[in-house]
């Protein structure tokens, strides 16, 4: 399963330049943080699908996502 998350370059550039203007981050940090967040979202989606499959296989067992930090 592949999910694409679109973020227009103009939006990234505008936010990135604003952060740089105020000196909060170095060049590339915003884009790198965004990429890391997308990977974490993908991992959570995959875990959620696995939980749904397991709950269909074993309907009497309660399945939960515990202690997952973003």
PDB file of N, CA and C in Angstrom:
ATOM      1  N   UNK A   1       0.842  -1.191   0.000  1.00  0.00           N
ATOM      2  CA  UNK A   1       0.000   0.000   0.000  1.00  0.00           C
ATOM      3  C   UNK A   1       0.879   1.243   0.000  1.00  0.00           C
ATOM      4  N   UNK A   2       0.611   2.134  -0.922  1.00  0.00           N
ATOM      5  CA  UNK A   2       1.400   3.357  -0.982  1.00  0.00           C
ATOM      6  C   UNK A   2       0.444   4.543  -0.945  1.00  0.00           C
ATOM      7  N   UNK A   3       0.739   5.489  -0.082  1.00  0.00           N
ATOM      8  CA  UNK A   3      -0.079   6.687   0.021  1.00  0.00           C
ATOM      9  C   UNK A   3       0.789   7.886  -0.305  1.00  0.00           C
ATOM     10  N   UNK A   4       0.288   8.740  -1.150  1.00  0.00           N
ATOM     11  CA  UNK A   4       1.060   9.930  -1.496  1.00  0.00           C
ATOM     12  C   UNK A   4       0.463  11.136  -0.782  1.00  0.00           C
ATOM     13  N   UNK A   5       1.345  11.911  -0.169  1.00  0.00           N
ATOM     14  CA  UNK A   5       0.912  13.138   0.490  1.00  0.00           C
ATOM     15  C   UNK A   5       1.525  14.289  -0.290  1.00  0.00           C
ATOM     16  N   UNK A   6       0.673  15.132  -0.845  1.00  0.00           N
ATOM     17  CA  UNK A   6       1.178  16.221  -1.668  1.00  0.00           C
ATOM     18  C   UNK A   6       1.335  17.484  -0.836  1.00  0.00           C
ATOM     19  N   UNK A   7       2.451  18.149  -1.029  1.00  0.00           N
ATOM     20  CA  UNK A   7       2.682  19.435  -0.382  1.00  0.00           C
ATOM     21  C   UNK A   7       3.315  20.330  -1.434  1.00  0.00           C
ATOM     22  N   UNK A   8       2.588  21.313  -1.937  1.00  0.00           N
ATOM     23  CA  UNK A   8       3.138  22.162  -2.993  1.00  0.00           C
ATOM     24  C   UNK A   8       4.449  22.809  -2.577  1.00  0.00           C
ATOM     25  N   UNK A   9       5.367  22.917  -3.536  1.00  0.00           N
ATOM     26  CA  UNK A   9       6.680  23.517  -3.276  1.00  0.00           C
ATOM     27  C   UNK A   9       6.521  24.942  -2.742  1.00  0.00           C
ATOM     28  N   UNK A  10       5.515  25.682  -3.252  1.00  0.00           N
ATOM     29  CA  UNK A  10       5.346  27.070  -2.801  1.00  0.00           C
ATOM     30  C   UNK A  10       5.079  27.124  -1.298  1.00  0.00           C
ATOM     31  N   UNK A  11       4.256  26.200  -0.802  1.00  0.00           N
ATOM     32  CA  UNK A  11       3.934  26.184   0.632  1.00  0.00           C
ATOM     33  C   UNK A  11       5.187  25.867   1.437  1.00  0.00           C
ATOM     34  N   UNK A  12       5.935  24.845   1.010  1.00  0.00           N
ATOM     35  CA  UNK A  12       7.155  24.487   1.738  1.00  0.00           C
ATOM     36  C   UNK A  12       8.143  25.649   1.696  1.00  0.00           C
ATOM     37  N   UNK A  13       8.276  26.262   0.522  1.00  0.00           N
ATOM     38  CA  UNK A  13       9.243  27.346   0.385  1.00  0.00           C
ATOM     39  C   UNK A  13       8.858  28.541   1.247  1.00  0.00           C
ATOM     40  N   UNK A  14       7.564  28.864   1.261  1.00  0.00           N
ATOM     41  CA  UNK A  14       7.107  30.010   2.044  1.00  0.00           C
ATOM     42  C   UNK A  14       7.365  29.784   3.531  1.00  0.00           C
ATOM     43  N   UNK A  15       6.971  28.620   4.042  1.00  0.00           N
ATOM     44  CA  UNK A  15       7.183  28.325   5.458  1.00  0.00           C
ATOM     45  C   UNK A  15       8.665  28.255   5.771  1.00  0.00           C
ATOM     46  N   UNK A  16       9.406  27.598   4.879  1.00  0.00           N
ATOM     47  CA  UNK A  16      10.830  27.421   5.104  1.00  0.00           C
ATOM     48  C   UNK A  16      11.525  28.775   5.165  1.00  0.00           C
ATOM     49  N   UNK A  17      11.196  29.674   4.220  1.00  0.00           N
ATOM     50  CA  UNK A  17      11.863  30.973   4.212  1.00  0.00           C
ATOM     51  C   UNK A  17      11.471  31.796   5.436  1.00  0.00           C
ATOM     52  N   UNK A  18      10.229  31.630   5.907  1.00  0.00           N
ATOM     53  CA  UNK A  18       9.802  32.349   7.112  1.00  0.00           C
ATOM     54  C   UNK A  18      10.599  31.867   8.323  1.00  0.00           C
ATOM     55  N   UNK A  19      10.767  30.528   8.437  1.00  0.00           N
ATOM     56  CA  UNK A  19      11.558  29.998   9.542  1.00  0.00           C
ATOM     57  C   UNK A  19      12.991  30.498   9.456  1.00  0.00           C
ATOM     58  N   UNK A  20      13.535  30.497   8.237  1.00  0.00           N
ATOM     59  CA  UNK A  20      14.921  30.949   8.071  1.00  0.00           C
ATOM     60  C   UNK A  20      15.041  32.430   8.417  1.00  0.00           C
ATOM     61  N   UNK A  21      14.030  33.228   8.035  1.00  0.00           N
ATOM     62  CA  UNK A  21      14.043  34.666   8.289  1.00  0.00           C
ATOM     63  C   UNK A  21      14.183  34.948   9.786  1.00  0.00           C
ATOM     64  N   UNK A  22      13.481  34.164  10.597  1.00  0.00           N
ATOM     65  CA  UNK A  22      13.549  34.374  12.042  1.00  0.00           C
ATOM     66  C   UNK A  22      14.660  33.578  12.709  1.00  0.00           C
ATOM     67  N   UNK A  23      15.414  32.826  11.890  1.00  0.00           N
ATOM     68  CA  UNK A  23      16.576  32.118  12.419  1.00  0.00           C
ATOM     69  C   UNK A  23      16.260  30.889  13.239  1.00  0.00           C
ATOM     70  N   UNK A  24      15.075  30.271  13.034  1.00  0.00           N
ATOM     71  CA  UNK A  24      14.715  29.100  13.834  1.00  0.00           C
ATOM     72  C   UNK A  24      15.407  27.824  13.367  1.00  0.00           C
ATOM     73  N   UNK A  25      15.568  27.670  12.063  1.00  0.00           N
ATOM     74  CA  UNK A  25      16.138  26.422  11.552  1.00  0.00           C
ATOM     75  C   UNK A  25      17.170  26.684  10.468  1.00  0.00           C
ATOM     76  N   UNK A  26      18.007  25.670  10.229  1.00  0.00           N
ATOM     77  CA  UNK A  26      18.996  25.755   9.157  1.00  0.00           C
ATOM     78  C   UNK A  26      18.356  25.309   7.845  1.00  0.00           C
ATOM     79  N   UNK A  27      18.999  25.597   6.737  1.00  0.00           N
ATOM     80  CA  UNK A  27      18.505  25.187   5.424  1.00  0.00           C
ATOM     81  C   UNK A  27      18.309  23.682   5.379  1.00  0.00           C
ATOM     82  N   UNK A  28      17.168  23.247   4.859  1.00  0.00           N
ATOM     83  CA  UNK A  28      16.891  21.824   4.700  1.00  0.00           C
ATOM     84  C   UNK A  28      16.196  21.191   5.893  1.00  0.00           C
ATOM     85  N   UNK A  29      16.201  21.847   7.035  1.00  0.00           N
ATOM     86  CA  UNK A  29      15.619  21.239   8.234  1.00  0.00           C
ATOM     87  C   UNK A  29      14.113  21.067   8.107  1.00  0.00           C
ATOM     88  N   UNK A  30      13.419  22.066   7.586  1.00  0.00           N
ATOM     89  CA  UNK A  30      11.961  21.981   7.472  1.00  0.00           C
ATOM     90  C   UNK A  30      11.559  20.828   6.563  1.00  0.00           C
ATOM     91  N   UNK A  31      12.208  20.739   5.399  1.00  0.00           N
ATOM     92  CA  UNK A  31      11.880  19.675   4.443  1.00  0.00           C
ATOM     93  C   UNK A  31      12.201  18.314   5.044  1.00  0.00           C
ATOM     94  N   UNK A  32      13.328  18.213   5.747  1.00  0.00           N
ATOM     95  CA  UNK A  32      13.718  16.951   6.374  1.00  0.00           C
ATOM     96  C   UNK A  32      12.724  16.561   7.472  1.00  0.00           C
ATOM     97  N   UNK A  33      12.268  17.517   8.277  1.00  0.00           N
ATOM     98  CA  UNK A  33      11.272  17.238   9.319  1.00  0.00           C
ATOM     99  C   UNK A  33       9.955  16.789   8.701  1.00  0.00           C
ATOM    100  N   UNK A  34       9.576  17.426   7.595  1.00  0.00           N
ATOM    101  CA  UNK A  34       8.345  17.057   6.901  1.00  0.00           C
ATOM    102  C   UNK A  34       8.445  15.626   6.381  1.00  0.00           C
ATOM    103  N   UNK A  35       9.590  15.272   5.814  1.00  0.00           N
ATOM    104  CA  UNK A  35       9.807  13.913   5.310  1.00  0.00           C
ATOM    105  C   UNK A  35       9.724  12.900   6.442  1.00  0.00           C
ATOM    106  N   UNK A  36      10.359  13.194   7.584  1.00  0.00           N
ATOM    107  CA  UNK A  36      10.300  12.291   8.740  1.00  0.00           C
ATOM    108  C   UNK A  36       8.863  12.105   9.215  1.00  0.00           C
ATOM    109  N   UNK A  37       8.094  13.185   9.247  1.00  0.00           N
ATOM    110  CA  UNK A  37       6.700  13.108   9.678  1.00  0.00           C
ATOM    111  C   UNK A  37       5.890  12.227   8.728  1.00  0.00           C
ATOM    112  N   UNK A  38       6.116  12.372   7.424  1.00  0.00           N
ATOM    113  CA  UNK A  38       5.407  11.555   6.432  1.00  0.00           C
ATOM    114  C   UNK A  38       5.722  10.083   6.646  1.00  0.00           C
ATOM    115  N   UNK A  39       7.005   9.753   6.918  1.00  0.00           N
ATOM    116  CA  UNK A  39       7.383   8.355   7.158  1.00  0.00           C
ATOM    117  C   UNK A  39       6.694   7.809   8.409  1.00  0.00           C
ATOM    118  N   UNK A  40       6.582   8.629   9.456  1.00  0.00           N
ATOM    119  CA  UNK A  40       5.923   8.183  10.683  1.00  0.00           C
ATOM    120  C   UNK A  40       4.430   7.963  10.459  1.00  0.00           C
ATOM    121  N   UNK A  41       3.815   8.836   9.660  1.00  0.00           N
ATOM    122  CA  UNK A  41       2.397   8.667   9.338  1.00  0.00           C
ATOM    123  C   UNK A  41       2.194   7.364   8.571  1.00  0.00           C
ATOM    124  N   UNK A  42       3.089   7.088   7.609  1.00  0.00           N
ATOM    125  CA  UNK A  42       3.006   5.841   6.840  1.00  0.00           C
ATOM    126  C   UNK A  42       3.123   4.627   7.768  1.00  0.00           C
ATOM    127  N   UNK A  43       4.047   4.689   8.727  1.00  0.00           N
ATOM    128  CA  UNK A  43       4.239   3.573   9.664  1.00  0.00           C
ATOM    129  C   UNK A  43       2.982   3.363  10.512  1.00  0.00           C
ATOM    130  N   UNK A  44       2.375   4.450  10.975  1.00  0.00           N
ATOM    131  CA  UNK A  44       1.143   4.341  11.767  1.00  0.00           C
ATOM    132  C   UNK A  44      -0.004   3.755  10.945  1.00  0.00           C
ATOM    133  N   UNK A  45      -0.095   4.160   9.672  1.00  0.00           N
ATOM    134  CA  UNK A  45      -1.146   3.616   8.808  1.00  0.00           C
ATOM    135  C   UNK A  45      -0.968   2.114   8.636  1.00  0.00           C
ATOM    136  N   UNK A  46       0.282   1.694   8.447  1.00  0.00           N
ATOM    137  CA  UNK A  46       0.570   0.273   8.276  1.00  0.00           C
ATOM    138  C   UNK A  46       0.216  -0.506   9.546  1.00  0.00           C
ATOM    139  N   UNK A  47       0.593   0.042  10.710  1.00  0.00           N
ATOM    140  CA  UNK A  47       0.255  -0.614  11.980  1.00  0.00           C
ATOM    141  C   UNK A  47      -1.260  -0.713  12.147  1.00  0.00           C
ATOM    142  N   UNK A  48      -1.974   0.343  11.761  1.00  0.00           N
ATOM    143  CA  UNK A  48      -3.422   0.342  11.890  1.00  0.00           C
ATOM    144  C   UNK A  48      -4.035  -0.736  11.001  1.00  0.00           C
ATOM    145  N   UNK A  49      -3.528  -0.878   9.773  1.00  0.00           N
ATOM    146  CA  UNK A  49      -4.029  -1.928   8.877  1.00  0.00           C
ATOM    147  C   UNK A  49      -3.762  -3.316   9.456  1.00  0.00           C
ATOM    148  N   UNK A  50      -2.570  -3.499  10.038  1.00  0.00           N
ATOM    149  CA  UNK A  50      -2.240  -4.786  10.657  1.00  0.00           C
ATOM    150  C   UNK A  50      -3.190  -5.088  11.819  1.00  0.00           C
ATOM    151  N   UNK A  51      -3.491  -4.063  12.617  1.00  0.00           N
ATOM    152  CA  UNK A  51      -4.430  -4.249  13.731  1.00  0.00           C
ATOM    153  C   UNK A  51      -5.821  -4.623  13.224  1.00  0.00           C
ATOM    154  N   UNK A  52      -6.249  -3.991  12.133  1.00  0.00           N
ATOM    155  CA  UNK A  52      -7.560  -4.312  11.571  1.00  0.00           C
ATOM    156  C   UNK A  52      -7.599  -5.760  11.084  1.00  0.00           C
ATOM    157  N   UNK A  53      -6.517  -6.207  10.430  1.00  0.00           N
ATOM    158  CA  UNK A  53      -6.459  -7.592   9.956  1.00  0.00           C
ATOM    159  C   UNK A  53      -6.475  -8.564  11.135  1.00  0.00           C
ATOM    160  N   UNK A  54      -5.684  -8.263  12.170  1.00  0.00           N
ATOM    161  CA  UNK A  54      -5.627  -9.143  13.339  1.00  0.00           C
ATOM    162  C   UNK A  54      -6.986  -9.209  14.038  1.00  0.00           C
ATOM    163  N   UNK A  55      -7.693  -8.088  14.086  1.00  0.00           N
ATOM    164  CA  UNK A  55      -9.000  -8.097  14.752  1.00  0.00           C
ATOM    165  C   UNK A  55     -10.025  -8.899  13.953  1.00  0.00           C
ATOM    166  N   UNK A  56      -9.830  -9.010  12.643  1.00  0.00           N
ATOM    167  CA  UNK A  56     -10.727  -9.856  11.844  1.00  0.00           C
ATOM    168  C   UNK A  56     -10.401 -11.330  12.048  1.00  0.00           C
ATOM    169  N   UNK A  57      -9.099 -11.637  12.197  1.00  0.00           N
ATOM    170  CA  UNK A  57      -8.678 -13.027  12.396  1.00  0.00           C
ATOM    171  C   UNK A  57      -9.056 -13.507  13.801  1.00  0.00           C
ATOM    172  N   UNK A  58      -8.821 -12.628  14.798  1.00  0.00           N
ATOM    173  CA  UNK A  58      -9.125 -12.969  16.195  1.00  0.00           C
ATOM    174  C   UNK A  58     -10.118 -11.947  16.758  1.00  0.00           C
ATOM    175  N   UNK A  59     -11.394 -12.066  16.423  1.00  0.00           N
ATOM    176  CA  UNK A  59     -12.368 -11.037  16.827  1.00  0.00           C
ATOM    177  C   UNK A  59     -12.588 -10.919  18.335  1.00  0.00           C
ATOM    178  N   UNK A  60     -12.265 -11.963  19.105  1.00  0.00           N
ATOM    179  CA  UNK A  60     -12.530 -11.903  20.545  1.00  0.00           C
ATOM    180  C   UNK A  60     -11.406 -11.203  21.318  1.00  0.00           C
ATOM    181  N   UNK A  61     -10.302 -10.885  20.643  1.00  0.00           N
ATOM    182  CA  UNK A  61      -9.165 -10.242  21.316  1.00  0.00           C
ATOM    183  C   UNK A  61      -9.211  -8.743  21.048  1.00  0.00           C
ATOM    184  N   UNK A  62      -8.959  -7.956  22.087  1.00  0.00           N
ATOM    185  CA  UNK A  62      -8.934  -6.503  21.933  1.00  0.00           C
ATOM    186  C   UNK A  62      -7.508  -6.075  21.575  1.00  0.00           C
ATOM    187  N   UNK A  63      -7.340  -5.383  20.455  1.00  0.00           N
ATOM    188  CA  UNK A  63      -6.015  -4.952  19.983  1.00  0.00           C
ATOM    189  C   UNK A  63      -5.908  -3.440  20.114  1.00  0.00           C
ATOM    190  N   UNK A  64      -4.742  -2.962  20.569  1.00  0.00           N
ATOM    191  CA  UNK A  64      -4.541  -1.521  20.734  1.00  0.00           C
ATOM    192  C   UNK A  64      -3.133  -1.127  20.320  1.00  0.00           C
ATOM    193  N   UNK A  65      -2.999   0.135  19.920  1.00  0.00           N
ATOM    194  CA  UNK A  65      -1.673   0.716  19.707  1.00  0.00           C
ATOM    195  C   UNK A  65      -1.284   1.388  21.019  1.00  0.00           C
ATOM    196  N   UNK A  66      -0.208   0.940  21.629  1.00  0.00           N
ATOM    197  CA  UNK A  66       0.205   1.507  22.914  1.00  0.00           C
ATOM    198  C   UNK A  66       1.593   2.121  22.824  1.00  0.00           C
ATOM    199  N   UNK A  67       1.782   3.243  23.481  1.00  0.00           N
ATOM    200  CA  UNK A  67       3.097   3.875  23.628  1.00  0.00           C
ATOM    201  C   UNK A  67       3.835   4.111  22.319  1.00  0.00           C
ATOM    202  N   UNK A  68       3.134   4.593  21.300  1.00  0.00           N
ATOM    203  CA  UNK A  68       3.821   4.934  20.061  1.00  0.00           C
ATOM    204  C   UNK A  68       4.039   6.433  20.047  1.00  0.00           C
ATOM    205  N   UNK A  69       5.294   6.837  20.000  1.00  0.00           N
ATOM    206  CA  UNK A  69       5.614   8.264  20.034  1.00  0.00           C
ATOM    207  C   UNK A  69       5.922   8.781  18.648  1.00  0.00           C
ATOM    208  N   UNK A  70       5.374   9.942  18.334  1.00  0.00           N
ATOM    209  CA  UNK A  70       5.731  10.604  17.071  1.00  0.00           C
ATOM    210  C   UNK A  70       6.971  11.433  17.278  1.00  0.00           C
TER     211      UNK A  70
END
